[in-house]
Amino acid sequence: MSDDQFEFYLTEIKAGWLESRIVLNGSHYDLNVQSNFSEPLKDLFRSLCDLRGLDAPTDMDKDYRHCEFEWVGEGWLYFWILTPKPEGKLGISIEFKGKREVGGKEYPVWKIDCTLDWQTLAEQVFIQTSEMLWMYGFTGYYDRWTKDFPAGLMMRLGHLLHDQPADTDDFSRELGYLAETR
């Protein structure tokens, strides 16, 4: 089975909102996330770090992995499930649901399911977040997001992308990861 054509873009951060786009096999899906209720970049970093090297789901009661999370907007929800598969693949499911009124019933809007290798998704997430840092810097990110950028989790992902242990202590190497994206 060949991988789906999956592209992940961070398009804007502003006043507590994150706007991103997923292009799956030529179809575009926009995600608008309110930061007050979720921390979407941390979710992506944690999930990718936790699922690296797994080839099947673990028993979540015995070995918790961050593989399910929600991104929340005003009246809508993006529910993500990342499932490890053999040969470094990830099953990715993202479901978009919305409410027409506060407290009302949730209605499905769209759902995407695809398979992608871990390396490809991790590189896309790392490059997109790196580009965001190059554009705004840590203080600009804070001004737009009103939260600190999750640099530690991003660098753990960088270590894994470079076949280093996630807990590598090497600041110059971490700066080098960002420099590679320039």
C-alpha atoms as a PDB file:
ATOM      1  CA  MET A   1       0.000   0.000   0.000  1.00  0.00           C
ATOM      2  CA  SER A   2       1.444   3.360  -0.946  1.00  0.00           C
ATOM      3  CA  ASP A   3       1.304   6.357   1.317  1.00  0.00           C
ATOM      4  CA  ASP A   4      -1.240   9.092   0.824  1.00  0.00           C
ATOM      5  CA  GLN A   5      -0.018  12.482  -0.392  1.00  0.00           C
ATOM      6  CA  PHE A   6      -0.228  14.441   2.867  1.00  0.00           C
ATOM      7  CA  GLU A   7       1.016  17.982   3.414  1.00  0.00           C
ATOM      8  CA  PHE A   8       0.757  19.940   6.661  1.00  0.00           C
ATOM      9  CA  TYR A   9       1.044  23.746   6.751  1.00  0.00           C
ATOM     10  CA  LEU A  10       0.892  26.280   9.560  1.00  0.00           C
ATOM     11  CA  THR A  11      -0.590  29.326   7.868  1.00  0.00           C
ATOM     12  CA  GLU A  12      -1.037  31.881  10.684  1.00  0.00           C
ATOM     13  CA  ILE A  13      -0.914  32.496  14.404  1.00  0.00           C
ATOM     14  CA  LYS A  14      -2.744  35.447  15.860  1.00  0.00           C
ATOM     15  CA  ALA A  15      -4.509  36.539  19.017  1.00  0.00           C
ATOM     16  CA  GLY A  16      -4.812  33.055  20.458  1.00  0.00           C
ATOM     17  CA  TRP A  17      -5.648  31.327  17.174  1.00  0.00           C
ATOM     18  CA  LEU A  18      -3.706  28.895  15.029  1.00  0.00           C
ATOM     19  CA  GLU A  19      -4.640  28.426  11.413  1.00  0.00           C
ATOM     20  CA  SER A  20      -3.347  25.398   9.572  1.00  0.00           C
ATOM     21  CA  ARG A  21      -4.051  23.531   6.372  1.00  0.00           C
ATOM     22  CA  ILE A  22      -3.844  19.886   5.450  1.00  0.00           C
ATOM     23  CA  VAL A  23      -3.670  18.868   1.814  1.00  0.00           C
ATOM     24  CA  LEU A  24      -4.563  15.206   1.403  1.00  0.00           C
ATOM     25  CA  ASN A  25      -4.345  13.734  -2.088  1.00  0.00           C
ATOM     26  CA  GLY A  26      -5.090  17.175  -3.587  1.00  0.00           C
ATOM     27  CA  SER A  27      -8.031  18.062  -1.293  1.00  0.00           C
ATOM     28  CA  HIS A  28      -7.607  21.009   1.103  1.00  0.00           C
ATOM     29  CA  TYR A  29      -8.771  21.043   4.736  1.00  0.00           C
ATOM     30  CA  ASP A  30      -8.451  24.204   6.853  1.00  0.00           C
ATOM     31  CA  LEU A  31      -8.215  23.912  10.631  1.00  0.00           C
ATOM     32  CA  ASN A  32      -8.760  26.965  12.869  1.00  0.00           C
ATOM     33  CA  VAL A  33      -7.847  26.301  16.472  1.00  0.00           C
ATOM     34  CA  GLN A  34      -8.425  28.408  19.564  1.00  0.00           C
ATOM     35  CA  SER A  35      -5.451  28.144  21.918  1.00  0.00           C
ATOM     36  CA  ASN A  36      -7.390  28.746  25.118  1.00  0.00           C
ATOM     37  CA  PHE A  37      -8.668  25.171  25.174  1.00  0.00           C
ATOM     38  CA  SER A  38      -5.849  23.213  23.544  1.00  0.00           C
ATOM     39  CA  GLU A  39      -2.185  23.514  22.766  1.00  0.00           C
ATOM     40  CA  PRO A  40      -2.033  22.066  19.273  1.00  0.00           C
ATOM     41  CA  LEU A  41       1.705  22.262  18.646  1.00  0.00           C
ATOM     42  CA  LYS A  42       2.406  20.452  21.919  1.00  0.00           C
ATOM     43  CA  ASP A  43      -0.095  17.785  20.886  1.00  0.00           C
ATOM     44  CA  LEU A  44       1.684  17.209  17.585  1.00  0.00           C
ATOM     45  CA  PHE A  45       5.167  17.183  19.132  1.00  0.00           C
ATOM     46  CA  ARG A  46       4.180  14.850  21.986  1.00  0.00           C
ATOM     47  CA  SER A  47       2.358  12.472  19.697  1.00  0.00           C
ATOM     48  CA  LEU A  48       5.181  12.250  17.179  1.00  0.00           C
ATOM     49  CA  CYS A  49       7.771  11.740  19.942  1.00  0.00           C
ATOM     50  CA  ASP A  50       5.660   9.094  21.705  1.00  0.00           C
ATOM     51  CA  LEU A  51       4.881   7.130  18.544  1.00  0.00           C
ATOM     52  CA  ARG A  52       8.396   7.100  17.040  1.00  0.00           C
ATOM     53  CA  GLY A  53       9.574   3.562  16.458  1.00  0.00           C
ATOM     54  CA  LEU A  54       6.307   1.837  17.381  1.00  0.00           C
ATOM     55  CA  ASP A  55       4.832  -0.595  14.894  1.00  0.00           C
ATOM     56  CA  ALA A  56       1.509  -1.258  16.648  1.00  0.00           C
ATOM     57  CA  PRO A  57      -0.711   0.434  19.249  1.00  0.00           C
ATOM     58  CA  THR A  58       0.310  -0.114  22.866  1.00  0.00           C
ATOM     59  CA  ASP A  59      -1.872  -1.040  25.830  1.00  0.00           C
ATOM     60  CA  MET A  60      -2.770   2.490  26.975  1.00  0.00           C
ATOM     61  CA  ASP A  61      -3.432   1.301  30.535  1.00  0.00           C
ATOM     62  CA  LYS A  62       0.128  -0.002  30.859  1.00  0.00           C
ATOM     63  CA  ASP A  63       2.073   2.269  28.508  1.00  0.00           C
ATOM     64  CA  TYR A  64       0.350   5.601  27.851  1.00  0.00           C
ATOM     65  CA  ARG A  65       1.144   7.288  24.537  1.00  0.00           C
ATOM     66  CA  HIS A  66      -0.150  10.663  23.379  1.00  0.00           C
ATOM     67  CA  CYS A  67      -1.913   9.418  20.262  1.00  0.00           C
ATOM     68  CA  GLU A  68      -5.379  10.985  20.602  1.00  0.00           C
ATOM     69  CA  PHE A  69      -6.054  14.680  21.063  1.00  0.00           C
ATOM     70  CA  GLU A  70      -8.557  17.408  20.275  1.00  0.00           C
ATOM     71  CA  TRP A  71      -8.067  20.821  18.756  1.00  0.00           C
ATOM     72  CA  VAL A  72     -10.911  23.129  19.747  1.00  0.00           C
ATOM     73  CA  GLY A  73     -12.420  26.227  18.172  1.00  0.00           C
ATOM     74  CA  GLU A  74     -15.598  28.117  19.016  1.00  0.00           C
ATOM     75  CA  GLY A  75     -18.296  25.488  18.611  1.00  0.00           C
ATOM     76  CA  TRP A  76     -16.163  23.088  16.616  1.00  0.00           C
ATOM     77  CA  LEU A  77     -13.696  20.325  17.287  1.00  0.00           C
ATOM     78  CA  TYR A  78     -10.949  18.533  15.381  1.00  0.00           C
ATOM     79  CA  PHE A  79     -10.400  15.084  16.862  1.00  0.00           C
ATOM     80  CA  TRP A  80      -7.053  13.476  15.949  1.00  0.00           C
ATOM     81  CA  ILE A  81      -6.061   9.823  16.261  1.00  0.00           C
ATOM     82  CA  LEU A  82      -2.554   8.734  15.271  1.00  0.00           C
ATOM     83  CA  THR A  83      -2.038   4.976  15.152  1.00  0.00           C
ATOM     84  CA  PRO A  84       1.403   3.371  14.803  1.00  0.00           C
ATOM     85  CA  LYS A  85       1.672   0.733  12.084  1.00  0.00           C
ATOM     86  CA  PRO A  86       4.457  -1.563  10.841  1.00  0.00           C
ATOM     87  CA  GLU A  87       7.462  -0.215   8.928  1.00  0.00           C
ATOM     88  CA  GLY A  88       7.378   3.273  10.465  1.00  0.00           C
ATOM     89  CA  LYS A  89       3.906   4.145   9.213  1.00  0.00           C
ATOM     90  CA  LEU A  90       1.211   6.134  10.990  1.00  0.00           C
ATOM     91  CA  GLY A  91      -2.503   5.872  10.482  1.00  0.00           C
ATOM     92  CA  ILE A  92      -3.900   9.390  10.729  1.00  0.00           C
ATOM     93  CA  SER A  93      -7.562  10.115  11.328  1.00  0.00           C
ATOM     94  CA  ILE A  94      -8.856  13.667  11.740  1.00  0.00           C
ATOM     95  CA  GLU A  95     -12.548  14.287  12.265  1.00  0.00           C
ATOM     96  CA  PHE A  96     -14.089  17.762  12.137  1.00  0.00           C
ATOM     97  CA  LYS A  97     -17.346  18.208  14.049  1.00  0.00           C
ATOM     98  CA  GLY A  98     -19.331  21.363  14.687  1.00  0.00           C
ATOM     99  CA  LYS A  99     -22.254  22.688  16.716  1.00  0.00           C
ATOM    100  CA  ARG A 100     -24.792  25.056  15.230  1.00  0.00           C
ATOM    101  CA  GLU A 101     -25.682  26.454  18.654  1.00  0.00           C
ATOM    102  CA  VAL A 102     -24.032  26.555  22.065  1.00  0.00           C
ATOM    103  CA  GLY A 103     -24.672  23.283  23.875  1.00  0.00           C
ATOM    104  CA  GLY A 104     -26.310  21.852  20.763  1.00  0.00           C
ATOM    105  CA  LYS A 105     -25.785  18.590  18.970  1.00  0.00           C
ATOM    106  CA  GLU A 106     -22.457  17.946  17.243  1.00  0.00           C
ATOM    107  CA  TYR A 107     -22.656  17.403  13.507  1.00  0.00           C
ATOM    108  CA  PRO A 108     -19.925  15.813  11.405  1.00  0.00           C
ATOM    109  CA  VAL A 109     -18.400  18.155   8.820  1.00  0.00           C
ATOM    110  CA  TRP A 110     -15.577  16.056   7.371  1.00  0.00           C
ATOM    111  CA  LYS A 111     -13.298  13.209   8.268  1.00  0.00           C
ATOM    112  CA  ILE A 112     -10.014  12.226   6.715  1.00  0.00           C
ATOM    113  CA  ASP A 113      -8.168   8.941   7.099  1.00  0.00           C
ATOM    114  CA  CYS A 114      -4.766   8.307   5.613  1.00  0.00           C
ATOM    115  CA  THR A 115      -1.498   6.470   6.052  1.00  0.00           C
ATOM    116  CA  LEU A 116       1.845   8.250   6.113  1.00  0.00           C
ATOM    117  CA  ASP A 117       5.299   7.386   7.300  1.00  0.00           C
ATOM    118  CA  TRP A 118       6.386   8.865  10.622  1.00  0.00           C
ATOM    119  CA  GLN A 119       9.456  10.536   9.129  1.00  0.00           C
ATOM    120  CA  THR A 120       7.475  12.496   6.533  1.00  0.00           C
ATOM    121  CA  LEU A 121       4.944  13.864   9.015  1.00  0.00           C
ATOM    122  CA  ALA A 122       7.601  14.631  11.638  1.00  0.00           C
ATOM    123  CA  GLU A 123       9.707  16.525   9.083  1.00  0.00           C
ATOM    124  CA  GLN A 124       6.692  18.524   7.895  1.00  0.00           C
ATOM    125  CA  VAL A 125       5.727  19.490  11.440  1.00  0.00           C
ATOM    126  CA  PHE A 126       9.329  20.375  12.352  1.00  0.00           C
ATOM    127  CA  ILE A 127       9.871  22.478   9.219  1.00  0.00           C
ATOM    128  CA  GLN A 128       6.547  24.316   9.558  1.00  0.00           C
ATOM    129  CA  THR A 129       7.161  25.173  13.209  1.00  0.00           C
ATOM    130  CA  SER A 130      10.744  26.152  12.421  1.00  0.00           C
ATOM    131  CA  GLU A 131       9.495  28.493   9.692  1.00  0.00           C
ATOM    132  CA  MET A 132       7.114  30.019  12.230  1.00  0.00           C
ATOM    133  CA  LEU A 133      10.011  30.677  14.594  1.00  0.00           C
ATOM    134  CA  TRP A 134      12.111  32.202  11.808  1.00  0.00           C
ATOM    135  CA  MET A 135       9.198  34.468  10.887  1.00  0.00           C
ATOM    136  CA  TYR A 136       8.121  35.625  14.362  1.00  0.00           C
ATOM    137  CA  GLY A 137      10.774  34.599  16.879  1.00  0.00           C
ATOM    138  CA  PHE A 138       9.922  33.397  20.361  1.00  0.00           C
ATOM    139  CA  THR A 139       8.661  36.803  21.520  1.00  0.00           C
ATOM    140  CA  GLY A 140       6.590  37.364  18.373  1.00  0.00           C
ATOM    141  CA  TYR A 141       5.050  33.945  18.836  1.00  0.00           C
ATOM    142  CA  TYR A 142       4.229  34.854  22.444  1.00  0.00           C
ATOM    143  CA  ASP A 143       2.693  38.176  21.346  1.00  0.00           C
ATOM    144  CA  ARG A 144       0.425  36.418  18.859  1.00  0.00           C
ATOM    145  CA  TRP A 145      -0.335  33.273  20.852  1.00  0.00           C
ATOM    146  CA  THR A 146      -0.079  34.579  24.463  1.00  0.00           C
ATOM    147  CA  LYS A 147       1.756  31.371  25.382  1.00  0.00           C
ATOM    148  CA  ASP A 148       5.382  30.347  25.173  1.00  0.00           C
ATOM    149  CA  PHE A 149       6.498  28.356  22.164  1.00  0.00           C
ATOM    150  CA  PRO A 150       6.976  24.640  23.064  1.00  0.00           C
ATOM    151  CA  ALA A 151      10.682  24.658  22.153  1.00  0.00           C
ATOM    152  CA  GLY A 152      11.650  21.728  24.398  1.00  0.00           C
ATOM    153  CA  LEU A 153       9.174  19.374  22.756  1.00  0.00           C
ATOM    154  CA  MET A 154      10.161  20.612  19.310  1.00  0.00           C
ATOM    155  CA  MET A 155      13.826  19.871  20.049  1.00  0.00           C
ATOM    156  CA  ARG A 156      12.954  16.355  21.298  1.00  0.00           C
ATOM    157  CA  LEU A 157      11.346  15.800  17.911  1.00  0.00           C
ATOM    158  CA  GLY A 158      14.456  17.237  16.236  1.00  0.00           C
ATOM    159  CA  HIS A 159      16.642  14.734  18.106  1.00  0.00           C
ATOM    160  CA  LEU A 160      14.460  11.843  16.939  1.00  0.00           C
ATOM    161  CA  LEU A 161      14.545  13.123  13.347  1.00  0.00           C
ATOM    162  CA  HIS A 162      18.350  13.049  13.583  1.00  0.00           C
ATOM    163  CA  ASP A 163      18.459   9.547  15.127  1.00  0.00           C
ATOM    164  CA  GLN A 164      19.500  10.861  18.534  1.00  0.00           C
ATOM    165  CA  PRO A 165      17.903   9.916  21.857  1.00  0.00           C
ATOM    166  CA  ALA A 166      14.953  12.204  22.653  1.00  0.00           C
ATOM    167  CA  ASP A 167      16.683  13.355  25.846  1.00  0.00           C
ATOM    168  CA  THR A 168      19.950  14.472  24.183  1.00  0.00           C
ATOM    169  CA  ASP A 169      21.421  17.513  25.967  1.00  0.00           C
ATOM    170  CA  ASP A 170      23.119  19.575  23.287  1.00  0.00           C
ATOM    171  CA  PHE A 171      22.074  23.190  22.732  1.00  0.00           C
ATOM    172  CA  SER A 172      24.376  23.783  19.759  1.00  0.00           C
ATOM    173  CA  ARG A 173      22.967  20.683  18.036  1.00  0.00           C
ATOM    174  CA  GLU A 174      19.439  21.977  18.676  1.00  0.00           C
ATOM    175  CA  LEU A 175      20.289  25.343  17.131  1.00  0.00           C
ATOM    176  CA  GLY A 176      21.736  23.409  14.208  1.00  0.00           C
ATOM    177  CA  TYR A 177      18.383  21.719  13.611  1.00  0.00           C
ATOM    178  CA  LEU A 178      16.782  25.133  13.143  1.00  0.00           C
ATOM    179  CA  ALA A 179      19.656  26.287  10.924  1.00  0.00           C
ATOM    180  CA  GLU A 180      19.069  23.276   8.640  1.00  0.00           C
ATOM    181  CA  THR A 181      15.649  24.677   7.749  1.00  0.00           C
ATOM    182  CA  ARG A 182      17.212  27.842   6.315  1.00  0.00           C
END
